Amino acid sequence: MESAPARTKPRTCAGHRPHPRPTGQDRYTISEVAEHTGLTAHTLRWYERIGLMPHVDRTHTGQRRFTNRDLDWLDLVGKLRLTGMPVADMVRYAELVREGEHTFAEREELLTTHRENVRERIAELRSTLEVLDFKIDIYADARRVSERA
């Protein structure tokens, strides 16, 4: 007897925070987004100005209204920033996303290149951590010897 095909879970980024409101009721002010993301309103406006944020809806009075999709995008941007991706590369990635599916190969190449840079940085940090551990061990050993004396 055959079993039903296993359902695959939607792919999400690890560490993704749940949205404050369900989709469809997700209209956030800039101050709510700032509170949720930890970014300042100034930074959010700057992201929009440089093309890092996709089009943000506005009310009839001109106030920005962000959606859960915008929060997801900001989460990704935060991860890219954390990895040290240059702003110009993030803006280029945003442009490619806006251009559509025909840019998948270029997006993949951009992220693959950046992943290699991240891996190199992780290796450098591991090496640096080994040096720190070595020095800490020397001082801990010296302290134990002096405490026994």
Protein backbone atom coordinates (compact mmCIF):
# COMPACT_ATOMS: atom_id res chain seq x y z
CA MET A 1 0.00 0.00 0.00
CA GLU A 2 1.41 3.34 -1.01
CA SER A 3 1.43 6.22 1.38
CA ALA A 4 0.54 9.74 0.45
CA PRO A 5 3.50 11.86 -0.60
CA ALA A 6 5.08 13.66 2.31
CA ARG A 7 4.12 17.30 2.52
CA THR A 8 6.98 19.65 2.39
CA LYS A 9 7.08 22.56 4.76
CA PRO A 10 7.39 26.01 3.26
CA ARG A 11 10.99 27.10 3.29
CA THR A 12 11.64 29.88 5.76
CA CYS A 13 14.75 31.52 7.06
CA ALA A 14 16.04 30.14 10.34
CA GLY A 15 15.49 32.46 13.24
CA HIS A 16 12.45 34.09 11.63
CA ARG A 17 10.31 35.94 14.15
CA PRO A 18 6.54 35.61 13.92
CA HIS A 19 4.61 38.55 12.58
CA PRO A 20 2.72 40.71 15.08
CA ARG A 21 -0.45 40.65 12.92
CA PRO A 22 -1.92 38.15 10.46
CA THR A 23 -1.56 38.83 6.76
CA GLY A 24 -4.46 40.93 5.59
CA GLN A 25 -4.44 42.92 8.82
CA ASP A 26 -0.76 43.77 8.50
CA ARG A 27 -0.54 47.52 8.21
CA TYR A 28 2.28 48.83 10.36
CA THR A 29 3.43 52.38 10.93
CA ILE A 30 7.09 53.23 10.66
CA SER A 31 7.34 53.45 14.46
CA GLU A 32 5.82 49.95 14.83
CA VAL A 33 8.28 48.57 12.31
CA ALA A 34 11.14 50.33 14.08
CA GLU A 35 10.08 48.77 17.38
CA HIS A 36 9.67 45.30 15.84
CA THR A 37 12.96 45.32 13.91
CA GLY A 38 15.19 47.42 16.14
CA LEU A 39 15.93 49.74 13.21
CA THR A 40 15.39 53.46 13.50
CA ALA A 41 12.78 55.30 11.47
CA HIS A 42 15.67 57.22 9.90
CA THR A 43 17.26 53.93 8.75
CA LEU A 44 13.95 52.68 7.33
CA ARG A 45 13.53 55.91 5.36
CA TRP A 46 17.13 55.66 4.15
CA TYR A 47 16.59 52.05 3.01
CA GLU A 48 13.62 53.23 0.98
CA ARG A 49 15.54 56.20 -0.47
CA ILE A 50 18.51 54.11 -1.66
CA GLY A 51 16.30 51.42 -3.18
CA LEU A 52 16.92 48.75 -0.56
CA MET A 53 13.26 48.62 0.45
CA PRO A 54 10.69 47.68 -2.14
CA HIS A 55 7.85 50.10 -2.69
CA VAL A 56 6.22 50.84 0.67
CA ASP A 57 2.51 51.62 0.55
CA ARG A 58 1.32 54.95 1.87
CA THR A 59 -1.94 56.20 3.30
CA HIS A 60 -3.88 59.02 1.66
CA THR A 61 -1.98 61.37 4.00
CA GLY A 62 1.40 60.03 2.86
CA GLN A 63 2.26 57.94 5.94
CA ARG A 64 4.14 54.74 5.23
CA ARG A 65 2.30 51.47 5.85
CA PHE A 66 4.45 48.37 6.02
CA THR A 67 3.25 44.77 5.58
CA ASN A 68 4.39 41.38 6.83
CA ARG A 69 6.15 40.98 3.50
CA ASP A 70 8.10 44.17 4.26
CA LEU A 71 9.00 42.75 7.69
CA ASP A 72 10.26 39.56 6.03
CA TRP A 73 12.36 41.63 3.64
CA LEU A 74 13.80 43.67 6.52
CA ASP A 75 14.63 40.42 8.32
CA LEU A 76 16.61 39.27 5.28
CA VAL A 77 18.33 42.65 4.96
CA GLY A 78 19.29 42.41 8.64
CA LYS A 79 20.82 38.99 8.07
CA LEU A 80 22.75 40.26 5.05
CA ARG A 81 24.01 43.25 7.08
CA LEU A 82 25.06 40.91 9.89
CA THR A 83 27.16 38.92 7.44
CA GLY A 84 28.90 42.07 6.28
CA MET A 85 27.38 42.31 2.82
CA PRO A 86 28.14 45.74 1.37
CA VAL A 87 25.12 48.03 1.00
CA ALA A 88 25.74 48.30 -2.73
CA ASP A 89 25.42 44.51 -3.07
CA MET A 90 22.22 44.53 -0.99
CA VAL A 91 20.77 47.26 -3.21
CA ARG A 92 21.77 45.28 -6.31
CA TYR A 93 20.08 42.19 -4.88
CA ALA A 94 16.92 44.24 -4.20
CA GLU A 95 16.98 45.51 -7.79
CA LEU A 96 17.28 41.96 -9.10
CA VAL A 97 14.36 40.81 -6.96
CA ARG A 98 12.21 43.63 -8.34
CA GLU A 99 13.22 42.73 -11.91
CA GLY A 100 11.66 39.28 -11.55
CA GLU A 101 12.33 35.59 -11.96
CA HIS A 102 14.60 35.96 -14.98
CA THR A 103 17.28 37.22 -12.52
CA PHE A 104 17.41 34.01 -10.44
CA ALA A 105 20.86 33.05 -11.82
CA GLU A 106 22.34 36.47 -11.08
CA ARG A 107 20.82 36.48 -7.58
CA GLU A 108 22.20 33.02 -6.92
CA GLU A 109 25.65 34.10 -8.09
CA LEU A 110 25.60 37.22 -5.90
CA LEU A 111 24.58 35.22 -2.81
CA THR A 112 27.00 32.37 -3.56
CA THR A 113 29.91 34.81 -3.83
CA HIS A 114 28.87 36.45 -0.59
CA ARG A 115 28.53 33.07 1.13
CA GLU A 116 32.16 32.33 0.27
CA ASN A 117 33.17 35.67 1.80
CA VAL A 118 31.20 34.79 4.94
CA ARG A 119 32.87 31.38 5.15
CA GLU A 120 36.29 33.02 4.85
CA ARG A 121 35.37 35.46 7.63
CA ILE A 122 34.15 32.61 9.84
CA ALA A 123 37.49 30.82 9.32
CA GLU A 124 39.34 34.01 10.28
CA LEU A 125 37.20 34.37 13.40
CA ARG A 126 37.79 30.72 14.37
CA SER A 127 41.54 31.25 14.04
CA THR A 128 41.31 34.41 16.13
CA LEU A 129 39.25 32.57 18.74
CA GLU A 130 41.97 29.92 18.99
CA VAL A 131 44.52 32.66 19.74
CA LEU A 132 42.24 34.14 22.40
CA ASP A 133 41.66 30.72 23.98
CA PHE A 134 45.43 30.09 24.02
CA LYS A 135 46.13 33.42 25.73
CA ILE A 136 43.30 32.96 28.23
CA ASP A 137 44.64 29.51 29.13
CA ILE A 138 48.11 30.99 29.77
CA TYR A 139 46.69 33.61 32.13
CA ALA A 140 44.40 31.12 33.88
CA ASP A 141 47.32 28.73 34.42
CA ALA A 142 49.52 31.56 35.73
CA ARG A 143 46.76 32.71 38.10
CA ARG A 144 46.26 29.18 39.48
CA VAL A 145 50.01 28.81 40.06
CA SER A 146 50.20 32.16 41.88
CA GLU A 147 47.15 31.29 44.02
CA ARG A 148 48.84 28.07 45.19
CA ALA A 149 52.04 29.86 46.08
